[in-house]
Amino acid sequence: MRLISVFILLITVCTMLEHTAVCSAYPPSAFMRSERPLTRMRDRTRYLSGMSRVGSSMENSIEIGPTTSRPACGKVNRYIVPYKSRRRQVNVHVPQLLCDTPESAPIVVAFHCLGCPPDYYTERLAPIAEQLLFTLVVPVGIERSWNAGACCGFALEHNIDDMGFVLKAVTTIQRLLGPLSSSAVFATGWSNGGFLATALGMMKDTPFKGVAPISGYQYSGFKEVPHVMPIFMHHSRDDPLVRYSGCCTNTTSSECCCGISQHGGDTCVDATSASLQWATHVNGCSETSIEIFKEQVKDGVHCIAYTDCQARSTLCSYDEYGHFNSMAPFPMDIDVGIFFIREACEMNGTWNNTQKVCTCPEEISGTYCLSRDQESG
């Protein structure tokens, strides 16, 4: 009876997941074929139950104006940011400790996948924001989509200026946060959101100090990036939607979902090649000595990092995690958070990777040595 309920729930929420291809890629029969059926079925049930509860309604959202007060800590604050005649939604979670003991803290902007409820991403990452002490910002795409190069949906089809919106949202939230803010701003994103996170990291005069794309990345333009940009990239080798081998119009390759192949260029750029191009062209890594480590860091997760670089460049490949949907949820959210806070720390301080703590010079204070960064603007 419980299994039947899961199947019914799956059918009900398929349209809420990232495009209909998710449902076809993971039909109910996949539960019976999984190597870890009980674990994955429980994950699926929890995820789908959560999906039925969360949404992205603008109800109870506050339109930001000159007199809008600082976000409350320890809860999700829903805001409206006017941009180009549209009212755009942004969710903000400030960790409780920042109200108890105020200091400047990093800001992590997280971009949801195509068709996904943004509140799911907010609920998933808010506990990590509390644990690691960063402010979480989750913008909402129009029709739950982002215009990000080769991907995707309504935003791409209608050429929505999502990059401009995100830049305005970041500066607006920084102003609201006041002394709790900093210039240590980072971007992560899943699938369509990963395409956007990397696009923002590559743009000229970007405010972002590091990116962590998951199941989505840019395929070109690496040589034109005018600055270094730390990257912590994640992709599963069996991703059926945004393929590890890349998405392009080459008819010898399997198509990706959502029209990405049609917008991805003539030649597919696989995740390993994209990671290497980012490392060498963007971050100045040596092509002759690229591996610092290549090891299994978790079950079915293998990471390589590049050496002789001006900024960190790491790719983690996954054996059997698909598109990191609920069949095999993304297992390294905390690692992404640590990647960001380390980058924030090293703007002014020294990071101890064993103890995961930041040591500040005498004239600077704060968990991540960002107080002077805030004072200087």
Foldseek 3Di string as FASTA:
>chain_A
DVLVVLLVLCVVCCLLPADVVVCVVCPSCNLVVDPPNVVLSVLSVVQSVVQVVFAADCPPAAEDDPPDAADDAPDKHWYWDDDPNDTWIKIKHFHPVCVVPNAAAEEEEEEEHHSHGQVVVVVVCNVLCNVLVYMYMYTADDNRADCQQLDADPCVVVVPPVLVVVVVVVVSNQVNNARHHFLLYEYEYAARRLSRRQSLQQDPPRSYQEYEYALYYADDDLLVRPAAHAYEYEYECQAQAQHQQAAAPAPVDDHHPRRSRVRRYHHGQGPVNVLVSSQCRRWNFDPVAFFPDWDAPDVQKTKGWGPPTNHTGMYIYGYPCHSCDSSRHDDCSSVVVLVSLCSLLVVAFDADVVVSFTDHPPVFDDRSRRSVSSVVD
